[in-house]
């Protein structure tokens, strides 16, 4: 039985592996496709130790439900939302527990145009399917590809800055062992 406390107002989140594990990730992937009606999903992850294993299970669920996946790698949540909007994905799932302690992990989800799922839209339906233990499997599984979005994302972020005004500044950044360390160098 899946712990119902993992279903929050804006994400699915719990401790790994007792509340949130590969079995739950698989069901979330399939349920997401079913609820959103997705045919192509972007998946990103943070650097938590459990994120890669959860990603593999999540992707199996998504593809078993018949949707294609583009893995965008280790990115920030806002980079995932950017990718969903820019490249026209039907939805996206970010594997992260944000600011929570390291034993946590979770899924932030959005549909087309990077519109987040929430307790008012999408998450209750996903919860129902996950707790049932089954989702509709497709006759033909989806395919998995990889896409590097970082150059486009960095260009987008830099478009908000007037660079001549920064030329006299020296900038140092401590990414705090977070995902920003991948983007900033």
N, C-alpha and C. Protein backbone atom coordinates (compact mmCIF):
# COMPACT_ATOMS: atom_id res chain seq x y z
N UNK A 1 0.84 -1.19 0.00
CA UNK A 1 0.00 0.00 0.00
C UNK A 1 0.88 1.25 0.00
N UNK A 2 0.53 2.22 -0.83
CA UNK A 2 1.29 3.45 -0.93
C UNK A 2 0.82 4.42 0.16
N UNK A 3 1.78 5.00 0.86
CA UNK A 3 1.47 5.95 1.94
C UNK A 3 0.82 7.20 1.34
N UNK A 4 -0.41 7.48 1.72
CA UNK A 4 -1.13 8.61 1.14
C UNK A 4 -0.55 9.96 1.53
N UNK A 5 0.31 9.99 2.57
CA UNK A 5 0.91 11.25 3.01
C UNK A 5 1.93 11.81 2.01
N UNK A 6 2.34 11.01 1.02
CA UNK A 6 3.31 11.51 0.04
C UNK A 6 2.67 12.45 -0.97
N UNK A 7 1.36 12.45 -1.05
CA UNK A 7 0.66 13.29 -2.03
C UNK A 7 0.39 14.66 -1.40
N UNK A 8 1.18 15.64 -1.82
CA UNK A 8 1.12 16.99 -1.24
C UNK A 8 0.32 17.92 -2.16
N UNK A 9 0.23 19.19 -1.76
CA UNK A 9 -0.54 20.16 -2.54
C UNK A 9 0.08 20.44 -3.90
N UNK A 10 1.42 20.39 -4.00
CA UNK A 10 2.07 20.75 -5.26
C UNK A 10 3.06 19.72 -5.77
N UNK A 11 3.18 18.60 -5.09
CA UNK A 11 4.10 17.57 -5.55
C UNK A 11 3.80 16.25 -4.85
N UNK A 12 4.60 15.26 -5.18
CA UNK A 12 4.57 13.97 -4.50
C UNK A 12 5.93 13.85 -3.84
N UNK A 13 5.97 13.65 -2.51
CA UNK A 13 7.24 13.72 -1.81
C UNK A 13 7.20 12.86 -0.56
N UNK A 14 8.31 12.17 -0.29
CA UNK A 14 8.41 11.36 0.91
C UNK A 14 9.83 10.87 1.13
N UNK A 15 10.01 10.10 2.18
CA UNK A 15 11.34 9.57 2.48
C UNK A 15 11.60 8.34 1.60
N UNK A 16 12.86 8.24 1.18
CA UNK A 16 13.30 7.13 0.34
C UNK A 16 14.06 6.14 1.22
N UNK A 17 13.80 4.86 1.12
CA UNK A 17 12.88 4.15 0.24
C UNK A 17 11.57 3.73 0.90
N UNK A 18 11.33 4.13 2.16
CA UNK A 18 10.15 3.60 2.84
C UNK A 18 8.84 4.19 2.32
N UNK A 19 8.77 5.49 2.06
CA UNK A 19 7.53 6.08 1.53
C UNK A 19 7.54 6.18 0.01
N UNK A 20 8.69 6.52 -0.53
CA UNK A 20 8.82 6.74 -1.97
C UNK A 20 9.95 5.85 -2.48
N UNK A 21 9.64 4.95 -3.39
CA UNK A 21 10.64 4.01 -3.90
C UNK A 21 10.39 3.74 -5.38
N UNK A 22 11.11 2.78 -5.93
CA UNK A 22 11.02 2.50 -7.36
C UNK A 22 9.63 2.01 -7.76
N UNK A 23 8.97 1.23 -6.91
CA UNK A 23 7.62 0.76 -7.23
C UNK A 23 6.64 1.93 -7.33
N UNK A 24 6.75 2.86 -6.41
CA UNK A 24 5.88 4.04 -6.44
C UNK A 24 6.22 4.89 -7.67
N UNK A 25 7.50 5.06 -7.95
CA UNK A 25 7.92 5.86 -9.11
C UNK A 25 7.34 5.29 -10.41
N UNK A 26 7.38 3.97 -10.55
CA UNK A 26 6.83 3.31 -11.73
C UNK A 26 5.35 3.64 -11.89
N UNK A 27 4.59 3.53 -10.80
CA UNK A 27 3.16 3.82 -10.84
C UNK A 27 2.89 5.30 -11.13
N UNK A 28 3.70 6.19 -10.55
CA UNK A 28 3.54 7.62 -10.81
C UNK A 28 3.76 7.91 -12.29
N UNK A 29 4.77 7.30 -12.89
CA UNK A 29 5.03 7.52 -14.31
C UNK A 29 3.85 7.14 -15.18
N UNK A 30 3.31 5.95 -14.97
CA UNK A 30 2.16 5.50 -15.74
C UNK A 30 0.92 6.32 -15.47
N UNK A 31 0.68 6.66 -14.21
CA UNK A 31 -0.49 7.46 -13.84
C UNK A 31 -0.41 8.85 -14.46
N UNK A 32 0.78 9.44 -14.48
CA UNK A 32 0.97 10.77 -15.06
C UNK A 32 0.55 10.77 -16.52
N UNK A 33 1.02 9.79 -17.28
CA UNK A 33 0.66 9.69 -18.70
C UNK A 33 -0.84 9.58 -18.86
N UNK A 34 -1.45 8.75 -18.05
CA UNK A 34 -2.90 8.53 -18.13
C UNK A 34 -3.68 9.81 -17.79
N UNK A 35 -3.29 10.51 -16.74
CA UNK A 35 -4.01 11.70 -16.30
C UNK A 35 -3.81 12.87 -17.26
N UNK A 36 -2.58 13.08 -17.70
CA UNK A 36 -2.28 14.23 -18.55
C UNK A 36 -2.58 13.94 -20.02
N UNK A 37 -2.63 12.67 -20.38
CA UNK A 37 -2.81 12.31 -21.79
C UNK A 37 -1.55 12.57 -22.59
N UNK A 38 -0.41 12.42 -21.94
CA UNK A 38 0.87 12.76 -22.56
C UNK A 38 1.33 11.71 -23.56
N UNK A 39 1.95 12.21 -24.63
CA UNK A 39 2.61 11.33 -25.59
C UNK A 39 4.12 11.52 -25.58
N UNK A 40 4.58 12.69 -25.07
CA UNK A 40 6.01 12.94 -24.97
C UNK A 40 6.27 13.73 -23.68
N UNK A 41 7.14 13.18 -22.83
CA UNK A 41 7.37 13.72 -21.49
C UNK A 41 8.85 14.01 -21.29
N UNK A 42 9.16 15.19 -20.75
CA UNK A 42 10.53 15.52 -20.35
C UNK A 42 10.72 15.08 -18.90
N UNK A 43 11.87 14.48 -18.61
CA UNK A 43 12.19 14.05 -17.25
C UNK A 43 13.56 14.61 -16.87
N UNK A 44 13.60 15.33 -15.76
CA UNK A 44 14.85 15.85 -15.21
C UNK A 44 15.01 15.35 -13.79
N UNK A 45 16.22 15.50 -13.26
CA UNK A 45 16.46 15.05 -11.88
C UNK A 45 17.51 15.92 -11.21
N UNK A 46 17.48 15.87 -9.88
CA UNK A 46 18.51 16.56 -9.11
C UNK A 46 19.64 15.58 -8.80
N UNK A 47 20.50 15.97 -7.86
CA UNK A 47 21.69 15.15 -7.59
C UNK A 47 21.57 14.28 -6.35
N UNK A 48 20.38 14.12 -5.82
CA UNK A 48 20.20 13.24 -4.66
C UNK A 48 20.61 11.82 -5.03
N UNK A 49 21.08 11.08 -4.06
CA UNK A 49 21.57 9.72 -4.31
C UNK A 49 20.48 8.80 -4.86
N UNK A 50 19.23 9.03 -4.49
CA UNK A 50 18.14 8.16 -4.95
C UNK A 50 17.53 8.60 -6.28
N UNK A 51 17.91 9.75 -6.79
CA UNK A 51 17.24 10.30 -7.98
C UNK A 51 17.42 9.45 -9.23
N UNK A 52 18.60 8.90 -9.44
CA UNK A 52 18.82 8.11 -10.65
C UNK A 52 17.99 6.83 -10.66
N UNK A 53 17.93 6.13 -9.53
CA UNK A 53 17.12 4.90 -9.45
C UNK A 53 15.63 5.22 -9.63
N UNK A 54 15.18 6.32 -9.03
CA UNK A 54 13.78 6.72 -9.20
C UNK A 54 13.51 7.11 -10.65
N UNK A 55 14.47 7.76 -11.29
CA UNK A 55 14.33 8.13 -12.70
C UNK A 55 14.12 6.90 -13.57
N UNK A 56 14.92 5.87 -13.36
CA UNK A 56 14.80 4.66 -14.18
C UNK A 56 13.42 4.03 -14.03
N UNK A 57 12.91 3.95 -12.81
CA UNK A 57 11.59 3.35 -12.58
C UNK A 57 10.48 4.23 -13.14
N UNK A 58 10.59 5.54 -12.95
CA UNK A 58 9.61 6.48 -13.48
C UNK A 58 9.52 6.37 -14.99
N UNK A 59 10.66 6.32 -15.65
CA UNK A 59 10.71 6.22 -17.11
C UNK A 59 10.08 4.92 -17.59
N UNK A 60 10.31 3.83 -16.87
CA UNK A 60 9.66 2.56 -17.24
C UNK A 60 8.14 2.69 -17.18
N UNK A 61 7.64 3.36 -16.16
CA UNK A 61 6.20 3.57 -16.05
C UNK A 61 5.66 4.42 -17.18
N UNK A 62 6.36 5.50 -17.49
CA UNK A 62 5.93 6.39 -18.58
C UNK A 62 5.90 5.64 -19.90
N UNK A 63 6.97 4.91 -20.19
CA UNK A 63 7.03 4.21 -21.48
C UNK A 63 6.07 3.03 -21.53
N UNK A 64 5.86 2.34 -20.42
CA UNK A 64 4.88 1.25 -20.40
C UNK A 64 3.47 1.78 -20.65
N UNK A 65 3.22 3.03 -20.30
CA UNK A 65 1.92 3.66 -20.57
C UNK A 65 1.83 4.17 -22.01
N UNK A 66 2.93 4.05 -22.76
CA UNK A 66 2.90 4.38 -24.18
C UNK A 66 3.48 5.71 -24.57
N UNK A 67 3.97 6.50 -23.63
CA UNK A 67 4.53 7.81 -23.96
C UNK A 67 6.04 7.71 -24.18
N UNK A 68 6.56 8.60 -25.01
CA UNK A 68 7.99 8.73 -25.21
C UNK A 68 8.56 9.64 -24.11
N UNK A 69 9.84 9.44 -23.81
CA UNK A 69 10.52 10.22 -22.78
C UNK A 69 11.77 10.85 -23.38
N UNK A 70 12.01 12.11 -23.02
CA UNK A 70 13.31 12.72 -23.28
C UNK A 70 13.92 13.05 -21.93
N UNK A 71 15.05 12.40 -21.66
CA UNK A 71 15.80 12.63 -20.43
C UNK A 71 16.63 13.88 -20.62
N UNK A 72 16.42 14.88 -19.76
CA UNK A 72 17.18 16.11 -19.90
C UNK A 72 18.29 16.21 -18.86
N UNK A 73 18.46 15.16 -18.07
CA UNK A 73 19.60 15.05 -17.17
C UNK A 73 19.44 15.79 -15.86
N UNK A 74 20.60 16.13 -15.28
CA UNK A 74 20.64 16.85 -14.00
C UNK A 74 20.40 18.32 -14.30
N UNK A 75 19.23 18.80 -13.87
CA UNK A 75 18.82 20.18 -14.13
C UNK A 75 18.07 20.70 -12.90
N UNK A 76 17.81 21.99 -12.90
CA UNK A 76 16.97 22.58 -11.86
C UNK A 76 15.50 22.45 -12.27
N UNK A 77 14.62 22.63 -11.32
CA UNK A 77 13.19 22.54 -11.61
C UNK A 77 12.77 23.58 -12.63
N UNK A 78 13.28 24.80 -12.50
CA UNK A 78 12.92 25.83 -13.47
C UNK A 78 13.44 25.50 -14.86
N UNK A 79 14.56 24.80 -14.96
CA UNK A 79 15.06 24.37 -16.28
C UNK A 79 14.13 23.33 -16.90
N UNK A 80 13.57 22.44 -16.08
CA UNK A 80 12.60 21.48 -16.59
C UNK A 80 11.37 22.21 -17.13
N UNK A 81 10.84 23.17 -16.35
CA UNK A 81 9.67 23.92 -16.80
C UNK A 81 9.99 24.67 -18.10
N UNK A 82 11.18 25.25 -18.19
CA UNK A 82 11.61 25.91 -19.42
C UNK A 82 11.56 24.95 -20.59
N UNK A 83 12.11 23.75 -20.40
CA UNK A 83 12.15 22.76 -21.49
C UNK A 83 10.75 22.36 -21.94
N UNK A 84 9.85 22.15 -20.99
CA UNK A 84 8.48 21.77 -21.35
C UNK A 84 7.84 22.85 -22.20
N UNK A 85 8.03 24.11 -21.82
CA UNK A 85 7.47 25.21 -22.59
C UNK A 85 8.14 25.42 -23.94
N UNK A 86 9.46 25.41 -23.96
CA UNK A 86 10.19 25.70 -25.20
C UNK A 86 10.05 24.61 -26.25
N UNK A 87 10.14 23.37 -25.84
CA UNK A 87 10.17 22.27 -26.81
C UNK A 87 8.81 21.62 -27.03
N UNK A 88 7.77 22.11 -26.37
CA UNK A 88 6.42 21.63 -26.62
C UNK A 88 6.09 20.24 -26.11
N UNK A 89 6.72 19.84 -25.02
CA UNK A 89 6.38 18.54 -24.42
C UNK A 89 4.94 18.57 -23.91
N UNK A 90 4.34 17.40 -23.82
CA UNK A 90 3.00 17.29 -23.25
C UNK A 90 3.02 17.41 -21.73
N UNK A 91 4.19 17.26 -21.15
CA UNK A 91 4.35 17.38 -19.71
C UNK A 91 5.78 17.13 -19.31
N UNK A 92 6.04 17.32 -18.02
CA UNK A 92 7.37 17.09 -17.51
C UNK A 92 7.32 16.67 -16.05
N UNK A 93 8.31 15.89 -15.66
CA UNK A 93 8.43 15.45 -14.26
C UNK A 93 9.86 15.70 -13.80
N UNK A 94 9.97 16.42 -12.70
CA UNK A 94 11.26 16.70 -12.08
C UNK A 94 11.38 15.84 -10.84
N UNK A 95 12.46 15.08 -10.76
CA UNK A 95 12.72 14.23 -9.59
C UNK A 95 13.57 15.05 -8.63
N UNK A 96 12.96 15.47 -7.54
CA UNK A 96 13.62 16.33 -6.56
C UNK A 96 12.78 16.41 -5.29
N UNK A 97 13.43 16.68 -4.19
CA UNK A 97 12.71 17.00 -2.96
C UNK A 97 13.04 18.43 -2.54
N UNK A 98 13.58 19.19 -3.47
CA UNK A 98 13.83 20.61 -3.26
C UNK A 98 14.72 20.83 -2.04
N UNK A 99 14.23 21.58 -1.08
CA UNK A 99 15.02 21.98 0.08
C UNK A 99 14.95 20.98 1.23
N UNK A 100 14.24 19.87 1.04
CA UNK A 100 14.06 18.90 2.12
C UNK A 100 15.35 18.13 2.41
N UNK A 101 15.45 17.50 3.58
CA UNK A 101 16.65 16.74 3.95
C UNK A 101 16.97 15.63 2.94
N UNK A 102 18.20 15.13 2.95
CA UNK A 102 18.66 14.18 1.92
C UNK A 102 17.90 12.86 1.86
N UNK A 103 17.25 12.45 2.93
CA UNK A 103 16.52 11.17 2.89
C UNK A 103 15.20 11.28 2.12
N UNK A 104 14.83 12.48 1.74
CA UNK A 104 13.59 12.71 0.98
C UNK A 104 13.87 12.72 -0.52
N UNK A 105 12.82 12.44 -1.29
CA UNK A 105 12.83 12.68 -2.73
C UNK A 105 11.39 12.84 -3.16
N UNK A 106 11.20 13.20 -4.41
CA UNK A 106 9.83 13.42 -4.86
C UNK A 106 9.74 13.76 -6.33
N UNK A 107 8.52 14.13 -6.73
CA UNK A 107 8.22 14.45 -8.13
C UNK A 107 7.43 15.74 -8.20
N UNK A 108 7.95 16.71 -8.93
CA UNK A 108 7.20 17.91 -9.29
C UNK A 108 6.77 17.70 -10.74
N UNK A 109 5.51 17.93 -11.02
CA UNK A 109 4.96 17.58 -12.33
C UNK A 109 4.26 18.77 -12.96
N UNK A 110 4.35 18.84 -14.28
CA UNK A 110 3.62 19.87 -15.01
C UNK A 110 3.09 19.27 -16.31
N UNK A 111 2.06 19.92 -16.83
CA UNK A 111 1.52 19.50 -18.11
C UNK A 111 1.97 20.48 -19.18
N UNK A 112 1.41 20.36 -20.37
CA UNK A 112 1.77 21.22 -21.51
C UNK A 112 1.83 22.68 -21.07
N UNK A 113 2.73 23.43 -21.70
CA UNK A 113 2.96 24.85 -21.38
C UNK A 113 3.48 25.06 -19.96
N UNK A 114 4.03 24.01 -19.36
CA UNK A 114 4.65 24.06 -18.03
C UNK A 114 3.65 24.48 -16.94
N UNK A 115 2.39 24.09 -17.10
CA UNK A 115 1.38 24.37 -16.08
C UNK A 115 1.49 23.30 -15.00
N UNK A 116 1.82 23.70 -13.76
CA UNK A 116 2.05 22.71 -12.70
C UNK A 116 0.79 21.94 -12.33
N UNK A 117 0.99 20.67 -12.00
CA UNK A 117 -0.09 19.89 -11.40
C UNK A 117 -0.15 20.26 -9.93
N UNK A 118 -1.33 20.13 -9.34
CA UNK A 118 -1.50 20.50 -7.94
C UNK A 118 -2.59 19.65 -7.31
N UNK A 119 -2.85 19.92 -6.05
CA UNK A 119 -3.93 19.25 -5.35
C UNK A 119 -5.30 19.59 -5.91
N UNK A 120 -5.38 20.66 -6.69
CA UNK A 120 -6.63 21.05 -7.34
C UNK A 120 -6.74 20.48 -8.75
N UNK A 121 -5.62 20.08 -9.32
CA UNK A 121 -5.63 19.65 -10.72
C UNK A 121 -4.53 18.62 -10.98
N UNK A 122 -4.90 17.37 -11.08
CA UNK A 122 -3.95 16.34 -11.48
C UNK A 122 -3.47 15.43 -10.38
N UNK A 123 -2.99 15.98 -9.28
CA UNK A 123 -2.41 15.13 -8.23
C UNK A 123 -3.45 14.19 -7.61
N UNK A 124 -4.69 14.64 -7.33
CA UNK A 124 -5.66 13.67 -6.79
C UNK A 124 -5.94 12.50 -7.73
N UNK A 125 -5.97 12.77 -9.03
CA UNK A 125 -6.21 11.70 -10.00
C UNK A 125 -5.02 10.74 -10.05
N UNK A 126 -3.81 11.29 -9.99
CA UNK A 126 -2.61 10.45 -9.96
C UNK A 126 -2.61 9.61 -8.68
N UNK A 127 -2.96 10.22 -7.56
CA UNK A 127 -3.03 9.50 -6.28
C UNK A 127 -3.97 8.30 -6.39
N UNK A 128 -5.14 8.51 -6.96
CA UNK A 128 -6.13 7.43 -7.09
C UNK A 128 -5.57 6.27 -7.90
N UNK A 129 -4.92 6.58 -9.02
CA UNK A 129 -4.36 5.53 -9.88
C UNK A 129 -3.21 4.81 -9.17
N UNK A 130 -2.31 5.58 -8.55
CA UNK A 130 -1.17 4.98 -7.85
C UNK A 130 -1.67 4.06 -6.73
N UNK A 131 -2.64 4.51 -5.96
CA UNK A 131 -3.14 3.70 -4.86
C UNK A 131 -3.90 2.46 -5.34
N UNK A 132 -4.41 2.50 -6.57
CA UNK A 132 -5.07 1.31 -7.13
C UNK A 132 -4.05 0.24 -7.51
N UNK A 133 -2.78 0.67 -7.68
CA UNK A 133 -1.71 -0.26 -8.02
C UNK A 133 -1.60 -0.59 -9.49
N UNK A 134 -2.34 0.12 -10.35
CA UNK A 134 -2.31 -0.21 -11.77
C UNK A 134 -2.70 0.99 -12.62
N UNK A 135 -2.12 1.06 -13.81
CA UNK A 135 -2.49 2.07 -14.79
C UNK A 135 -2.65 1.38 -16.14
N UNK A 136 -3.22 2.09 -17.11
CA UNK A 136 -3.41 1.51 -18.44
C UNK A 136 -2.07 1.38 -19.16
N UNK A 137 -1.70 0.16 -19.48
CA UNK A 137 -0.47 -0.07 -20.23
C UNK A 137 -0.78 -0.06 -21.72
N UNK A 138 0.14 0.46 -22.48
CA UNK A 138 -0.04 0.55 -23.93
C UNK A 138 0.39 -0.75 -24.60
N UNK A 139 -0.16 -1.00 -25.77
CA UNK A 139 0.26 -2.17 -26.54
C UNK A 139 1.69 -2.04 -27.01
N UNK A 140 2.10 -0.80 -27.27
CA UNK A 140 3.46 -0.53 -27.74
C UNK A 140 4.10 0.48 -26.78
N UNK A 141 5.21 0.11 -26.16
CA UNK A 141 5.84 1.05 -25.22
C UNK A 141 6.46 2.24 -25.93
N UNK A 142 6.60 3.33 -25.19
CA UNK A 142 7.26 4.51 -25.72
C UNK A 142 8.76 4.31 -25.79
N UNK A 143 9.43 5.26 -26.42
CA UNK A 143 10.89 5.19 -26.57
C UNK A 143 11.54 6.26 -25.68
N UNK A 144 12.81 6.06 -25.40
CA UNK A 144 13.57 6.97 -24.54
C UNK A 144 14.70 7.58 -25.34
N UNK A 145 14.85 8.90 -25.23
CA UNK A 145 15.94 9.63 -25.88
C UNK A 145 16.53 10.60 -24.85
N UNK A 146 17.65 11.17 -25.19
CA UNK A 146 18.28 12.18 -24.32
C UNK A 146 18.33 13.50 -25.07
N UNK A 147 18.19 14.59 -24.32
CA UNK A 147 18.25 15.92 -24.93
C UNK A 147 19.03 16.83 -23.99
N UNK A 148 20.00 17.54 -24.54
CA UNK A 148 20.76 18.52 -23.78
C UNK A 148 20.09 19.88 -23.94
N UNK A 149 19.53 20.39 -22.87
CA UNK A 149 18.82 21.67 -22.93
C UNK A 149 19.63 22.82 -22.34
N UNK A 150 20.78 22.52 -21.74
CA UNK A 150 21.47 23.53 -20.93
C UNK A 150 21.89 24.76 -21.73
N UNK A 151 22.40 24.60 -22.95
CA UNK A 151 22.80 25.78 -23.73
C UNK A 151 21.61 26.70 -23.98
N UNK A 152 20.48 26.12 -24.39
CA UNK A 152 19.28 26.94 -24.62
C UNK A 152 18.79 27.58 -23.33
N UNK A 153 18.85 26.84 -22.23
CA UNK A 153 18.39 27.37 -20.96
C UNK A 153 19.28 28.52 -20.49
N UNK A 154 20.59 28.36 -20.60
CA UNK A 154 21.52 29.41 -20.19
C UNK A 154 21.33 30.65 -21.06
N UNK A 155 21.19 30.46 -22.37
CA UNK A 155 20.93 31.59 -23.27
C UNK A 155 19.66 32.32 -22.86
N UNK A 156 18.63 31.57 -22.53
CA UNK A 156 17.36 32.17 -22.09
C UNK A 156 17.58 32.98 -20.81
N UNK A 157 18.26 32.42 -19.84
CA UNK A 157 18.51 33.13 -18.58
C UNK A 157 19.32 34.40 -18.81
N UNK A 158 20.35 34.31 -19.65
CA UNK A 158 21.20 35.47 -19.91
C UNK A 158 20.46 36.57 -20.68
N UNK A 159 19.37 36.22 -21.35
CA UNK A 159 18.61 37.22 -22.10
C UNK A 159 17.95 38.26 -21.18
N UNK A 160 17.88 37.98 -19.89
CA UNK A 160 17.28 38.91 -18.94
C UNK A 160 18.31 39.88 -18.35
N UNK A 161 19.57 39.70 -18.71
CA UNK A 161 20.65 40.49 -18.11
C UNK A 161 21.22 41.44 -19.15
N UNK A 162 21.45 42.67 -18.73
CA UNK A 162 22.13 43.63 -19.60
C UNK A 162 23.62 43.53 -19.27
N UNK A 163 24.31 42.76 -20.07
CA UNK A 163 25.71 42.42 -19.78
C UNK A 163 26.64 43.63 -19.62
N UNK A 164 26.50 44.68 -20.41
CA UNK A 164 27.43 45.81 -20.22
C UNK A 164 27.41 46.37 -18.79
N UNK A 165 26.27 46.27 -18.12
CA UNK A 165 26.17 46.78 -16.75
C UNK A 165 26.89 45.88 -15.75
N UNK A 166 27.24 44.68 -16.14
CA UNK A 166 27.91 43.74 -15.24
C UNK A 166 29.42 43.71 -15.41
N UNK A 167 29.93 44.36 -16.43
CA UNK A 167 31.35 44.23 -16.76
C UNK A 167 32.28 44.67 -15.63
N UNK A 168 31.84 45.54 -14.76
CA UNK A 168 32.72 46.00 -13.68
C UNK A 168 32.61 45.13 -12.42
N UNK A 169 31.79 44.10 -12.46
CA UNK A 169 31.59 43.24 -11.29
C UNK A 169 32.39 41.95 -11.41
N UNK A 170 32.89 41.49 -10.27
CA UNK A 170 33.42 40.14 -10.16
C UNK A 170 32.36 39.34 -9.40
N UNK A 171 31.98 38.20 -9.94
CA UNK A 171 30.90 37.43 -9.34
C UNK A 171 31.42 36.07 -8.92
N UNK A 172 31.16 35.71 -7.67
CA UNK A 172 31.51 34.38 -7.16
C UNK A 172 30.22 33.70 -6.72
N UNK A 173 30.13 32.41 -6.99
CA UNK A 173 28.91 31.68 -6.65
C UNK A 173 29.29 30.39 -5.94
N UNK A 174 28.61 30.11 -4.83
CA UNK A 174 28.72 28.83 -4.15
C UNK A 174 27.42 28.10 -4.39
N UNK A 175 27.44 27.07 -5.22
CA UNK A 175 26.22 26.34 -5.56
C UNK A 175 25.78 25.40 -4.45
N UNK A 176 26.54 25.31 -3.39
CA UNK A 176 26.14 24.52 -2.23
C UNK A 176 25.88 23.05 -2.55
N UNK A 177 26.69 22.47 -3.41
CA UNK A 177 26.54 21.08 -3.83
C UNK A 177 25.20 20.81 -4.51
N UNK A 178 24.58 21.85 -5.06
CA UNK A 178 23.29 21.70 -5.73
C UNK A 178 23.42 21.65 -7.23
N UNK A 179 22.28 21.55 -7.87
CA UNK A 179 22.21 21.45 -9.33
C UNK A 179 22.78 22.68 -10.02
N UNK A 180 22.72 23.84 -9.38
CA UNK A 180 23.25 25.06 -9.99
C UNK A 180 24.72 24.91 -10.36
N UNK A 181 25.43 24.04 -9.67
CA UNK A 181 26.83 23.81 -9.99
C UNK A 181 27.04 23.24 -11.39
N UNK A 182 26.03 22.61 -11.94
CA UNK A 182 26.10 22.08 -13.30
C UNK A 182 25.96 23.20 -14.32
N UNK A 183 25.16 24.19 -14.00
CA UNK A 183 24.83 25.26 -14.93
C UNK A 183 25.83 26.41 -14.89
N UNK A 184 26.35 26.75 -13.72
CA UNK A 184 27.13 27.96 -13.55
C UNK A 184 28.54 27.96 -14.12
N UNK A 185 29.26 26.86 -14.19
CA UNK A 185 30.64 26.96 -14.69
C UNK A 185 30.67 27.46 -16.08
